[in-house]
Amino acid sequence: MTTNSHSDIQEIIQQILKFRDERDWAQFHDARNLAMCLNVEASELLEVFLWKNPEEAKIEKIEEELADVFYAAFLLAEKYGFDVKEIIEKKLVKNAEKYPIEKALGSNKKYDEL
């Protein structure tokens, strides 16, 4: 079975919007608050790893916090009318230019240090 990831993302965003709208939360979801929410949720994801080796982190908590990160990110993208697939593909093209394989392969240096 083949899936269309673009349709899958749109379906997820529609489910998030339905969840939000059923609770009348759109009034709280301006761009500033969504950006702050994204930061808070990313921090909660980091907390899962705090004082642990990565393999000690609980997979269920990683999954839960990562879902919260996606939730906030997708709502922020929707707020600006961004097509998630399109903006990720555009960023990948930009990163490929900044990090050409022949310079970046196996390196953890930033693009301006390659």
PDB file of N, CA and C in Angstrom:
ATOM      1  N   MET A   1       0.838  -1.192   0.000  1.00  0.00           N
ATOM      2  CA  MET A   1       0.000   0.000   0.000  1.00  0.00           C
ATOM      3  C   MET A   1       0.878   1.250   0.000  1.00  0.00           C
ATOM      4  N   THR A   2       0.644   2.144  -0.910  1.00  0.00           N
ATOM      5  CA  THR A   2       1.401   3.377  -1.009  1.00  0.00           C
ATOM      6  C   THR A   2       0.632   4.485  -0.299  1.00  0.00           C
ATOM      7  N   THR A   3       1.371   5.285   0.454  1.00  0.00           N
ATOM      8  CA  THR A   3       0.714   6.412   1.111  1.00  0.00           C
ATOM      9  C   THR A   3       1.256   7.699   0.529  1.00  0.00           C
ATOM     10  N   ASN A   4       0.451   8.714   0.553  1.00  0.00           N
ATOM     11  CA  ASN A   4       0.854  10.033   0.106  1.00  0.00           C
ATOM     12  C   ASN A   4       1.149  10.845   1.347  1.00  0.00           C
ATOM     13  N   SER A   5       2.443  11.057   1.616  1.00  0.00           N
ATOM     14  CA  SER A   5       2.826  11.735   2.851  1.00  0.00           C
ATOM     15  C   SER A   5       2.253  13.145   2.929  1.00  0.00           C
ATOM     16  N   HIS A   6       2.101  13.805   1.788  1.00  0.00           N
ATOM     17  CA  HIS A   6       1.528  15.145   1.788  1.00  0.00           C
ATOM     18  C   HIS A   6       0.087  15.101   2.274  1.00  0.00           C
ATOM     19  N   SER A   7      -0.685  14.136   1.771  1.00  0.00           N
ATOM     20  CA  SER A   7      -2.069  13.969   2.222  1.00  0.00           C
ATOM     21  C   SER A   7      -2.118  13.576   3.692  1.00  0.00           C
ATOM     22  N   ASP A   8      -1.180  12.730   4.112  1.00  0.00           N
ATOM     23  CA  ASP A   8      -1.122  12.323   5.513  1.00  0.00           C
ATOM     24  C   ASP A   8      -0.885  13.527   6.423  1.00  0.00           C
ATOM     25  N   ILE A   9       0.034  14.396   6.040  1.00  0.00           N
ATOM     26  CA  ILE A   9       0.312  15.595   6.836  1.00  0.00           C
ATOM     27  C   ILE A   9      -0.918  16.484   6.886  1.00  0.00           C
ATOM     28  N   GLN A  10      -1.565  16.683   5.740  1.00  0.00           N
ATOM     29  CA  GLN A  10      -2.771  17.512   5.705  1.00  0.00           C
ATOM     30  C   GLN A  10      -3.877  16.910   6.577  1.00  0.00           C
ATOM     31  N   GLU A  11      -3.999  15.587   6.552  1.00  0.00           N
ATOM     32  CA  GLU A  11      -5.003  14.921   7.372  1.00  0.00           C
ATOM     33  C   GLU A  11      -4.709  15.125   8.863  1.00  0.00           C
ATOM     34  N   ILE A  12      -3.443  15.015   9.235  1.00  0.00           N
ATOM     35  CA  ILE A  12      -3.052  15.234  10.636  1.00  0.00           C
ATOM     36  C   ILE A  12      -3.369  16.667  11.051  1.00  0.00           C
ATOM     37  N   ILE A  13      -3.031  17.615  10.195  1.00  0.00           N
ATOM     38  CA  ILE A  13      -3.309  19.021  10.510  1.00  0.00           C
ATOM     39  C   ILE A  13      -4.812  19.241  10.667  1.00  0.00           C
ATOM     40  N   GLN A  14      -5.619  18.627   9.826  1.00  0.00           N
ATOM     41  CA  GLN A  14      -7.072  18.757   9.942  1.00  0.00           C
ATOM     42  C   GLN A  14      -7.565  18.161  11.265  1.00  0.00           C
ATOM     43  N   GLN A  15      -6.993  17.047  11.683  1.00  0.00           N
ATOM     44  CA  GLN A  15      -7.361  16.446  12.972  1.00  0.00           C
ATOM     45  C   GLN A  15      -6.993  17.375  14.130  1.00  0.00           C
ATOM     46  N   ILE A  16      -5.811  18.010  14.045  1.00  0.00           N
ATOM     47  CA  ILE A  16      -5.374  18.955  15.078  1.00  0.00           C
ATOM     48  C   ILE A  16      -6.327  20.147  15.122  1.00  0.00           C
ATOM     49  N   LEU A  17      -6.688  20.673  13.955  1.00  0.00           N
ATOM     50  CA  LEU A  17      -7.599  21.815  13.906  1.00  0.00           C
ATOM     51  C   LEU A  17      -8.971  21.460  14.474  1.00  0.00           C
ATOM     52  N   LYS A  18      -9.457  20.266  14.164  1.00  0.00           N
ATOM     53  CA  LYS A  18     -10.740  19.814  14.700  1.00  0.00           C
ATOM     54  C   LYS A  18     -10.670  19.738  16.223  1.00  0.00           C
ATOM     55  N   PHE A  19      -9.607  19.139  16.744  1.00  0.00           N
ATOM     56  CA  PHE A  19      -9.400  19.033  18.189  1.00  0.00           C
ATOM     57  C   PHE A  19      -9.395  20.429  18.819  1.00  0.00           C
ATOM     58  N   ARG A  20      -8.618  21.343  18.207  1.00  0.00           N
ATOM     59  CA  ARG A  20      -8.523  22.716  18.713  1.00  0.00           C
ATOM     60  C   ARG A  20      -9.872  23.406  18.666  1.00  0.00           C
ATOM     61  N   ASP A  21     -10.541  23.322  17.527  1.00  0.00           N
ATOM     62  CA  ASP A  21     -11.785  24.058  17.343  1.00  0.00           C
ATOM     63  C   ASP A  21     -12.919  23.533  18.227  1.00  0.00           C
ATOM     64  N   GLU A  22     -12.944  22.233  18.483  1.00  0.00           N
ATOM     65  CA  GLU A  22     -13.960  21.670  19.377  1.00  0.00           C
ATOM     66  C   GLU A  22     -13.832  22.232  20.794  1.00  0.00           C
ATOM     67  N   ARG A  23     -12.657  22.721  21.128  1.00  0.00           N
ATOM     68  CA  ARG A  23     -12.409  23.263  22.465  1.00  0.00           C
ATOM     69  C   ARG A  23     -12.351  24.798  22.480  1.00  0.00           C
ATOM     70  N   ASP A  24     -12.572  25.410  21.322  1.00  0.00           N
ATOM     71  CA  ASP A  24     -12.516  26.866  21.180  1.00  0.00           C
ATOM     72  C   ASP A  24     -11.162  27.422  21.634  1.00  0.00           C
ATOM     73  N   TRP A  25     -10.094  26.766  21.215  1.00  0.00           N
ATOM     74  CA  TRP A  25      -8.741  27.197  21.595  1.00  0.00           C
ATOM     75  C   TRP A  25      -8.073  28.069  20.548  1.00  0.00           C
ATOM     76  N   ALA A  26      -8.667  28.231  19.377  1.00  0.00           N
ATOM     77  CA  ALA A  26      -8.042  29.056  18.334  1.00  0.00           C
ATOM     78  C   ALA A  26      -7.760  30.464  18.848  1.00  0.00           C
ATOM     79  N   GLN A  27      -8.614  30.944  19.744  1.00  0.00           N
ATOM     80  CA  GLN A  27      -8.432  32.283  20.304  1.00  0.00           C
ATOM     81  C   GLN A  27      -7.097  32.445  21.030  1.00  0.00           C
ATOM     82  N   PHE A  28      -6.496  31.348  21.469  1.00  0.00           N
ATOM     83  CA  PHE A  28      -5.226  31.396  22.187  1.00  0.00           C
ATOM     84  C   PHE A  28      -4.030  31.114  21.273  1.00  0.00           C
ATOM     85  N   HIS A  29      -4.318  30.743  20.038  1.00  0.00           N
ATOM     86  CA  HIS A  29      -3.267  30.241  19.153  1.00  0.00           C
ATOM     87  C   HIS A  29      -2.783  31.287  18.153  1.00  0.00           C
ATOM     88  N   ASP A  30      -2.398  32.455  18.663  1.00  0.00           N
ATOM     89  CA  ASP A  30      -1.747  33.417  17.776  1.00  0.00           C
ATOM     90  C   ASP A  30      -0.309  32.950  17.547  1.00  0.00           C
ATOM     91  N   ALA A  31       0.359  33.547  16.573  1.00  0.00           N
ATOM     92  CA  ALA A  31       1.700  33.097  16.180  1.00  0.00           C
ATOM     93  C   ALA A  31       2.694  33.141  17.349  1.00  0.00           C
ATOM     94  N   ARG A  32       2.638  34.192  18.133  1.00  0.00           N
ATOM     95  CA  ARG A  32       3.561  34.329  19.265  1.00  0.00           C
ATOM     96  C   ARG A  32       3.377  33.196  20.264  1.00  0.00           C
ATOM     97  N   ASN A  33       2.138  32.921  20.629  1.00  0.00           N
ATOM     98  CA  ASN A  33       1.881  31.855  21.596  1.00  0.00           C
ATOM     99  C   ASN A  33       2.218  30.478  21.030  1.00  0.00           C
ATOM    100  N   LEU A  34       1.972  30.274  19.743  1.00  0.00           N
ATOM    101  CA  LEU A  34       2.332  28.990  19.141  1.00  0.00           C
ATOM    102  C   LEU A  34       3.843  28.803  19.102  1.00  0.00           C
ATOM    103  N   ALA A  35       4.579  29.872  18.808  1.00  0.00           N
ATOM    104  CA  ALA A  35       6.046  29.790  18.814  1.00  0.00           C
ATOM    105  C   ALA A  35       6.552  29.491  20.225  1.00  0.00           C
ATOM    106  N   MET A  36       5.944  30.128  21.224  1.00  0.00           N
ATOM    107  CA  MET A  36       6.343  29.845  22.609  1.00  0.00           C
ATOM    108  C   MET A  36       5.982  28.412  22.990  1.00  0.00           C
ATOM    109  N   CYS A  37       4.813  27.959  22.569  1.00  0.00           N
ATOM    110  CA  CYS A  37       4.388  26.587  22.833  1.00  0.00           C
ATOM    111  C   CYS A  37       5.379  25.601  22.224  1.00  0.00           C
ATOM    112  N   LEU A  38       5.792  25.864  21.001  1.00  0.00           N
ATOM    113  CA  LEU A  38       6.761  25.001  20.325  1.00  0.00           C
ATOM    114  C   LEU A  38       8.052  24.927  21.121  1.00  0.00           C
ATOM    115  N   ASN A  39       8.511  26.060  21.621  1.00  0.00           N
ATOM    116  CA  ASN A  39       9.735  26.094  22.421  1.00  0.00           C
ATOM    117  C   ASN A  39       9.563  25.323  23.718  1.00  0.00           C
ATOM    118  N   VAL A  40       8.459  25.497  24.389  1.00  0.00           N
ATOM    119  CA  VAL A  40       8.193  24.787  25.649  1.00  0.00           C
ATOM    120  C   VAL A  40       8.139  23.279  25.403  1.00  0.00           C
ATOM    121  N   GLU A  41       7.442  22.879  24.350  1.00  0.00           N
ATOM    122  CA  GLU A  41       7.336  21.446  24.062  1.00  0.00           C
ATOM    123  C   GLU A  41       8.689  20.858  23.671  1.00  0.00           C
ATOM    124  N   ALA A  42       9.499  21.613  22.939  1.00  0.00           N
ATOM    125  CA  ALA A  42      10.855  21.144  22.605  1.00  0.00           C
ATOM    126  C   ALA A  42      11.692  21.010  23.879  1.00  0.00           C
ATOM    127  N   SER A  43      11.502  21.921  24.820  1.00  0.00           N
ATOM    128  CA  SER A  43      12.206  21.825  26.102  1.00  0.00           C
ATOM    129  C   SER A  43      11.767  20.597  26.888  1.00  0.00           C
ATOM    130  N   GLU A  44      10.471  20.286  26.822  1.00  0.00           N
ATOM    131  CA  GLU A  44       9.984  19.084  27.505  1.00  0.00           C
ATOM    132  C   GLU A  44      10.560  17.822  26.855  1.00  0.00           C
ATOM    133  N   LEU A  45      10.779  17.856  25.557  1.00  0.00           N
ATOM    134  CA  LEU A  45      11.442  16.743  24.886  1.00  0.00           C
ATOM    135  C   LEU A  45      12.883  16.613  25.384  1.00  0.00           C
ATOM    136  N   LEU A  46      13.574  17.724  25.522  1.00  0.00           N
ATOM    137  CA  LEU A  46      14.938  17.693  26.056  1.00  0.00           C
ATOM    138  C   LEU A  46      14.973  17.131  27.469  1.00  0.00           C
ATOM    139  N   GLU A  47      13.967  17.471  28.247  1.00  0.00           N
ATOM    140  CA  GLU A  47      13.920  17.017  29.637  1.00  0.00           C
ATOM    141  C   GLU A  47      13.902  15.491  29.741  1.00  0.00           C
ATOM    142  N   VAL A  48      13.346  14.827  28.751  1.00  0.00           N
ATOM    143  CA  VAL A  48      13.305  13.360  28.740  1.00  0.00           C
ATOM    144  C   VAL A  48      14.723  12.790  28.799  1.00  0.00           C
ATOM    145  N   PHE A  49      15.686  13.526  28.249  1.00  0.00           N
ATOM    146  CA  PHE A  49      17.074  13.067  28.178  1.00  0.00           C
ATOM    147  C   PHE A  49      17.952  13.613  29.303  1.00  0.00           C
ATOM    148  N   LEU A  50      17.414  14.526  30.105  1.00  0.00           N
ATOM    149  CA  LEU A  50      18.198  15.198  31.138  1.00  0.00           C
ATOM    150  C   LEU A  50      18.797  14.209  32.128  1.00  0.00           C
ATOM    151  N   TRP A  51      20.099  14.297  32.306  1.00  0.00           N
ATOM    152  CA  TRP A  51      20.865  13.490  33.256  1.00  0.00           C
ATOM    153  C   TRP A  51      20.862  12.003  32.919  1.00  0.00           C
ATOM    154  N   LYS A  52      20.626  11.677  31.661  1.00  0.00           N
ATOM    155  CA  LYS A  52      20.585  10.276  31.248  1.00  0.00           C
ATOM    156  C   LYS A  52      21.461  10.083  30.016  1.00  0.00           C
ATOM    157  N   ASN A  53      21.889   8.866  29.812  1.00  0.00           N
ATOM    158  CA  ASN A  53      22.436   8.497  28.518  1.00  0.00           C
ATOM    159  C   ASN A  53      21.245   8.364  27.585  1.00  0.00           C
ATOM    160  N   PRO A  54      21.414   8.668  26.293  1.00  0.00           N
ATOM    161  CA  PRO A  54      20.265   8.627  25.374  1.00  0.00           C
ATOM    162  C   PRO A  54      19.476   7.324  25.422  1.00  0.00           C
ATOM    163  N   GLU A  55      20.167   6.195  25.581  1.00  0.00           N
ATOM    164  CA  GLU A  55      19.451   4.911  25.594  1.00  0.00           C
ATOM    165  C   GLU A  55      18.627   4.698  26.868  1.00  0.00           C
ATOM    166  N   GLU A  56      18.828   5.534  27.881  1.00  0.00           N
ATOM    167  CA  GLU A  56      18.053   5.422  29.119  1.00  0.00           C
ATOM    168  C   GLU A  56      16.715   6.176  29.045  1.00  0.00           C
ATOM    169  N   ALA A  57      16.575   7.036  28.053  1.00  0.00           N
ATOM    170  CA  ALA A  57      15.339   7.814  27.922  1.00  0.00           C
ATOM    171  C   ALA A  57      14.175   6.880  27.597  1.00  0.00           C
ATOM    172  N   LYS A  58      13.040   7.170  28.185  1.00  0.00           N
ATOM    173  CA  LYS A  58      11.845   6.350  27.961  1.00  0.00           C
ATOM    174  C   LYS A  58      11.247   6.666  26.591  1.00  0.00           C
ATOM    175  N   ILE A  59      11.153   5.641  25.770  1.00  0.00           N
ATOM    176  CA  ILE A  59      10.648   5.777  24.397  1.00  0.00           C
ATOM    177  C   ILE A  59       9.240   6.390  24.389  1.00  0.00           C
ATOM    178  N   GLU A  60       8.394   5.973  25.310  1.00  0.00           N
ATOM    179  CA  GLU A  60       7.019   6.481  25.346  1.00  0.00           C
ATOM    180  C   GLU A  60       6.998   7.990  25.577  1.00  0.00           C
ATOM    181  N   LYS A  61       7.897   8.480  26.445  1.00  0.00           N
ATOM    182  CA  LYS A  61       7.955   9.916  26.725  1.00  0.00           C
ATOM    183  C   LYS A  61       8.504  10.679  25.529  1.00  0.00           C
ATOM    184  N   ILE A  62       9.494  10.102  24.840  1.00  0.00           N
ATOM    185  CA  ILE A  62      10.032  10.742  23.637  1.00  0.00           C
ATOM    186  C   ILE A  62       8.911  10.890  22.622  1.00  0.00           C
ATOM    187  N   GLU A  63       8.171   9.814  22.412  1.00  0.00           N
ATOM    188  CA  GLU A  63       7.059   9.818  21.460  1.00  0.00           C
ATOM    189  C   GLU A  63       6.022  10.878  21.822  1.00  0.00           C
ATOM    190  N   GLU A  64       5.643  10.932  23.084  1.00  0.00           N
ATOM    191  CA  GLU A  64       4.629  11.874  23.548  1.00  0.00           C
ATOM    192  C   GLU A  64       5.076  13.321  23.370  1.00  0.00           C
ATOM    193  N   GLU A  65       6.297  13.614  23.787  1.00  0.00           N
ATOM    194  CA  GLU A  65       6.786  14.990  23.693  1.00  0.00           C
ATOM    195  C   GLU A  65       7.039  15.386  22.239  1.00  0.00           C
ATOM    196  N   LEU A  66       7.509  14.457  21.423  1.00  0.00           N
ATOM    197  CA  LEU A  66       7.718  14.744  20.008  1.00  0.00           C
ATOM    198  C   LEU A  66       6.381  15.042  19.327  1.00  0.00           C
ATOM    199  N   ALA A  67       5.349  14.319  19.693  1.00  0.00           N
ATOM    200  CA  ALA A  67       4.013  14.600  19.160  1.00  0.00           C
ATOM    201  C   ALA A  67       3.574  16.016  19.529  1.00  0.00           C
ATOM    202  N   ASP A  68       3.864  16.453  20.752  1.00  0.00           N
ATOM    203  CA  ASP A  68       3.526  17.816  21.164  1.00  0.00           C
ATOM    204  C   ASP A  68       4.297  18.848  20.345  1.00  0.00           C
ATOM    205  N   VAL A  69       5.565  18.554  20.032  1.00  0.00           N
ATOM    206  CA  VAL A  69       6.370  19.447  19.191  1.00  0.00           C
ATOM    207  C   VAL A  69       5.732  19.558  17.808  1.00  0.00           C
ATOM    208  N   PHE A  70       5.378  18.409  17.218  1.00  0.00           N
ATOM    209  CA  PHE A  70       4.733  18.424  15.905  1.00  0.00           C
ATOM    210  C   PHE A  70       3.411  19.178  15.955  1.00  0.00           C
ATOM    211  N   TYR A  71       2.640  18.954  16.999  1.00  0.00           N
ATOM    212  CA  TYR A  71       1.345  19.622  17.177  1.00  0.00           C
ATOM    213  C   TYR A  71       1.521  21.136  17.086  1.00  0.00           C
ATOM    214  N   ALA A  72       2.457  21.670  17.876  1.00  0.00           N
ATOM    215  CA  ALA A  72       2.684  23.121  17.882  1.00  0.00           C
ATOM    216  C   ALA A  72       3.246  23.599  16.546  1.00  0.00           C
ATOM    217  N   ALA A  73       4.165  22.849  15.970  1.00  0.00           N
ATOM    218  CA  ALA A  73       4.781  23.244  14.704  1.00  0.00           C
ATOM    219  C   ALA A  73       3.750  23.242  13.576  1.00  0.00           C
ATOM    220  N   PHE A  74       2.915  22.218  13.524  1.00  0.00           N
ATOM    221  CA  PHE A  74       1.898  22.148  12.478  1.00  0.00           C
ATOM    222  C   PHE A  74       0.877  23.269  12.620  1.00  0.00           C
ATOM    223  N   LEU A  75       0.497  23.603  13.848  1.00  0.00           N
ATOM    224  CA  LEU A  75      -0.432  24.714  14.053  1.00  0.00           C
ATOM    225  C   LEU A  75       0.193  26.036  13.617  1.00  0.00           C
ATOM    226  N   LEU A  76       1.468  26.229  13.898  1.00  0.00           N
ATOM    227  CA  LEU A  76       2.146  27.459  13.493  1.00  0.00           C
ATOM    228  C   LEU A  76       2.249  27.532  11.967  1.00  0.00           C
ATOM    229  N   ALA A  77       2.561  26.426  11.338  1.00  0.00           N
ATOM    230  CA  ALA A  77       2.610  26.388   9.876  1.00  0.00           C
ATOM    231  C   ALA A  77       1.238  26.711   9.283  1.00  0.00           C
ATOM    232  N   GLU A  78       0.205  26.146   9.866  1.00  0.00           N
ATOM    233  CA  GLU A  78      -1.156  26.390   9.394  1.00  0.00           C
ATOM    234  C   GLU A  78      -1.539  27.852   9.571  1.00  0.00           C
ATOM    235  N   LYS A  79      -1.100  28.445  10.664  1.00  0.00           N
ATOM    236  CA  LYS A  79      -1.397  29.853  10.950  1.00  0.00           C
ATOM    237  C   LYS A  79      -0.913  30.758   9.814  1.00  0.00           C
ATOM    238  N   TYR A  80       0.240  30.418   9.245  1.00  0.00           N
ATOM    239  CA  TYR A  80       0.804  31.217   8.160  1.00  0.00           C
ATOM    240  C   TYR A  80       0.461  30.685   6.771  1.00  0.00           C
ATOM    241  N   GLY A  81      -0.328  29.625   6.721  1.00  0.00           N
ATOM    242  CA  GLY A  81      -0.703  29.066   5.431  1.00  0.00           C
ATOM    243  C   GLY A  81       0.436  28.334   4.735  1.00  0.00           C
ATOM    244  N   PHE A  82       1.425  27.872   5.508  1.00  0.00           N
ATOM    245  CA  PHE A  82       2.558  27.158   4.931  1.00  0.00           C
ATOM    246  C   PHE A  82       2.174  25.727   4.595  1.00  0.00           C
ATOM    247  N   ASP A  83       2.677  25.248   3.498  1.00  0.00           N
ATOM    248  CA  ASP A  83       2.556  23.846   3.114  1.00  0.00           C
ATOM    249  C   ASP A  83       3.772  23.146   3.733  1.00  0.00           C
ATOM    250  N   VAL A  84       3.556  22.287   4.703  1.00  0.00           N
ATOM    251  CA  VAL A  84       4.650  21.656   5.456  1.00  0.00           C
ATOM    252  C   VAL A  84       5.615  20.925   4.528  1.00  0.00           C
ATOM    253  N   LYS A  85       5.084  20.138   3.627  1.00  0.00           N
ATOM    254  CA  LYS A  85       5.935  19.396   2.686  1.00  0.00           C
ATOM    255  C   LYS A  85       6.781  20.359   1.862  1.00  0.00           C
ATOM    256  N   GLU A  86       6.168  21.409   1.375  1.00  0.00           N
ATOM    257  CA  GLU A  86       6.857  22.383   0.531  1.00  0.00           C
ATOM    258  C   GLU A  86       7.973  23.109   1.288  1.00  0.00           C
ATOM    259  N   ILE A  87       7.706  23.554   2.513  1.00  0.00           N
ATOM    260  CA  ILE A  87       8.743  24.314   3.225  1.00  0.00           C
ATOM    261  C   ILE A  87       9.904  23.410   3.653  1.00  0.00           C
ATOM    262  N   ILE A  88       9.617  22.146   3.943  1.00  0.00           N
ATOM    263  CA  ILE A  88      10.704  21.222   4.283  1.00  0.00           C
ATOM    264  C   ILE A  88      11.544  20.931   3.044  1.00  0.00           C
ATOM    265  N   GLU A  89      10.892  20.698   1.907  1.00  0.00           N
ATOM    266  CA  GLU A  89      11.642  20.442   0.672  1.00  0.00           C
ATOM    267  C   GLU A  89      12.502  21.649   0.295  1.00  0.00           C
ATOM    268  N   LYS A  90      11.949  22.857   0.453  1.00  0.00           N
ATOM    269  CA  LYS A  90      12.700  24.078   0.152  1.00  0.00           C
ATOM    270  C   LYS A  90      13.927  24.194   1.068  1.00  0.00           C
ATOM    271  N   LYS A  91      13.747  23.872   2.328  1.00  0.00           N
ATOM    272  CA  LYS A  91      14.857  23.944   3.287  1.00  0.00           C
ATOM    273  C   LYS A  91      15.912  22.888   2.975  1.00  0.00           C
ATOM    274  N   LEU A  92      15.487  21.697   2.546  1.00  0.00           N
ATOM    275  CA  LEU A  92      16.449  20.659   2.169  1.00  0.00           C
ATOM    276  C   LEU A  92      17.309  21.100   0.984  1.00  0.00           C
ATOM    277  N   VAL A  93      16.713  21.778   0.017  1.00  0.00           N
ATOM    278  CA  VAL A  93      17.472  22.295  -1.123  1.00  0.00           C
ATOM    279  C   VAL A  93      18.498  23.322  -0.638  1.00  0.00           C
ATOM    280  N   LYS A  94      18.057  24.218   0.220  1.00  0.00           N
ATOM    281  CA  LYS A  94      18.950  25.247   0.765  1.00  0.00           C
ATOM    282  C   LYS A  94      20.098  24.605   1.551  1.00  0.00           C
ATOM    283  N   ASN A  95      19.772  23.614   2.377  1.00  0.00           N
ATOM    284  CA  ASN A  95      20.809  22.941   3.164  1.00  0.00           C
ATOM    285  C   ASN A  95      21.780  22.163   2.281  1.00  0.00           C
ATOM    286  N   ALA A  96      21.273  21.585   1.194  1.00  0.00           N
ATOM    287  CA  ALA A  96      22.149  20.858   0.271  1.00  0.00           C
ATOM    288  C   ALA A  96      23.176  21.798  -0.348  1.00  0.00           C
ATOM    289  N   GLU A  97      22.782  23.035  -0.596  1.00  0.00           N
ATOM    290  CA  GLU A  97      23.721  24.033  -1.119  1.00  0.00           C
ATOM    291  C   GLU A  97      24.746  24.437  -0.060  1.00  0.00           C
ATOM    292  N   LYS A  98      24.298  24.582   1.168  1.00  0.00           N
ATOM    293  CA  LYS A  98      25.185  24.981   2.264  1.00  0.00           C
ATOM    294  C   LYS A  98      26.106  23.842   2.700  1.00  0.00           C
ATOM    295  N   TYR A  99      25.627  22.617   2.563  1.00  0.00           N
ATOM    296  CA  TYR A  99      26.370  21.443   3.022  1.00  0.00           C
ATOM    297  C   TYR A  99      26.542  20.436   1.881  1.00  0.00           C
ATOM    298  N   PRO A 100      27.371  20.783   0.875  1.00  0.00           N
ATOM    299  CA  PRO A 100      27.573  19.825  -0.217  1.00  0.00           C
ATOM    300  C   PRO A 100      28.218  18.539   0.316  1.00  0.00           C
ATOM    301  N   ILE A 101      27.811  17.416  -0.246  1.00  0.00           N
ATOM    302  CA  ILE A 101      28.275  16.108   0.232  1.00  0.00           C
ATOM    303  C   ILE A 101      29.787  16.047   0.294  1.00  0.00           C
ATOM    304  N   GLU A 102      30.459  16.530  -0.753  1.00  0.00           N
ATOM    305  CA  GLU A 102      31.917  16.411  -0.799  1.00  0.00           C
ATOM    306  C   GLU A 102      32.621  17.173   0.326  1.00  0.00           C
ATOM    307  N   LYS A 103      31.959  18.166   0.912  1.00  0.00           N
ATOM    308  CA  LYS A 103      32.552  18.908   2.032  1.00  0.00           C
ATOM    309  C   LYS A 103      31.997  18.464   3.384  1.00  0.00           C
ATOM    310  N   ALA A 104      30.738  18.086   3.414  1.00  0.00           N
ATOM    311  CA  ALA A 104      30.062  17.837   4.683  1.00  0.00           C
ATOM    312  C   ALA A 104      30.046  16.375   5.113  1.00  0.00           C
ATOM    313  N   LEU A 105      30.355  15.465   4.226  1.00  0.00           N
ATOM    314  CA  LEU A 105      30.266  14.037   4.528  1.00  0.00           C
ATOM    315  C   LEU A 105      31.061  13.686   5.782  1.00  0.00           C
ATOM    316  N   GLY A 106      30.371  13.199   6.797  1.00  0.00           N
ATOM    317  CA  GLY A 106      31.002  12.764   8.039  1.00  0.00           C
ATOM    318  C   GLY A 106      31.484  13.889   8.937  1.00  0.00           C
ATOM    319  N   SER A 107      31.163  15.121   8.606  1.00  0.00           N
ATOM    320  CA  SER A 107      31.626  16.275   9.382  1.00  0.00           C
ATOM    321  C   SER A 107      30.477  16.871  10.191  1.00  0.00           C
ATOM    322  N   ASN A 108      30.801  17.342  11.373  1.00  0.00           N
ATOM    323  CA  ASN A 108      29.791  18.018  12.185  1.00  0.00           C
ATOM    324  C   ASN A 108      30.021  19.528  12.211  1.00  0.00           C
ATOM    325  N   LYS A 109      30.847  20.025  11.296  1.00  0.00           N
ATOM    326  CA  LYS A 109      31.132  21.461  11.229  1.00  0.00           C
ATOM    327  C   LYS A 109      29.961  22.209  10.608  1.00  0.00           C
ATOM    328  N   LYS A 110      29.802  23.438  11.053  1.00  0.00           N
ATOM    329  CA  LYS A 110      28.789  24.315  10.478  1.00  0.00           C
ATOM    330  C   LYS A 110      29.226  24.700   9.061  1.00  0.00           C
ATOM    331  N   TYR A 111      28.262  25.034   8.237  1.00  0.00           N
ATOM    332  CA  TYR A 111      28.533  25.311   6.813  1.00  0.00           C
ATOM    333  C   TYR A 111      29.635  26.330   6.597  1.00  0.00           C
ATOM    334  N   ASP A 112      29.738  27.338   7.462  1.00  0.00           N
ATOM    335  CA  ASP A 112      30.759  28.375   7.252  1.00  0.00           C
ATOM    336  C   ASP A 112      32.145  27.945   7.739  1.00  0.00           C
ATOM    337  N   GLU A 113      32.241  26.725   8.280  1.00  0.00           N
ATOM    338  CA  GLU A 113      33.531  26.189   8.715  1.00  0.00           C
ATOM    339  C   GLU A 113      34.027  25.056   7.812  1.00  0.00           C
ATOM    340  N   LEU A 114      33.228  24.666   6.832  1.00  0.00           N
ATOM    341  CA  LEU A 114      33.609  23.574   5.937  1.00  0.00           C
ATOM    342  C   LEU A 114      34.691  24.006   4.976  1.00  0.00           C
TER     343      LEU A 114
END
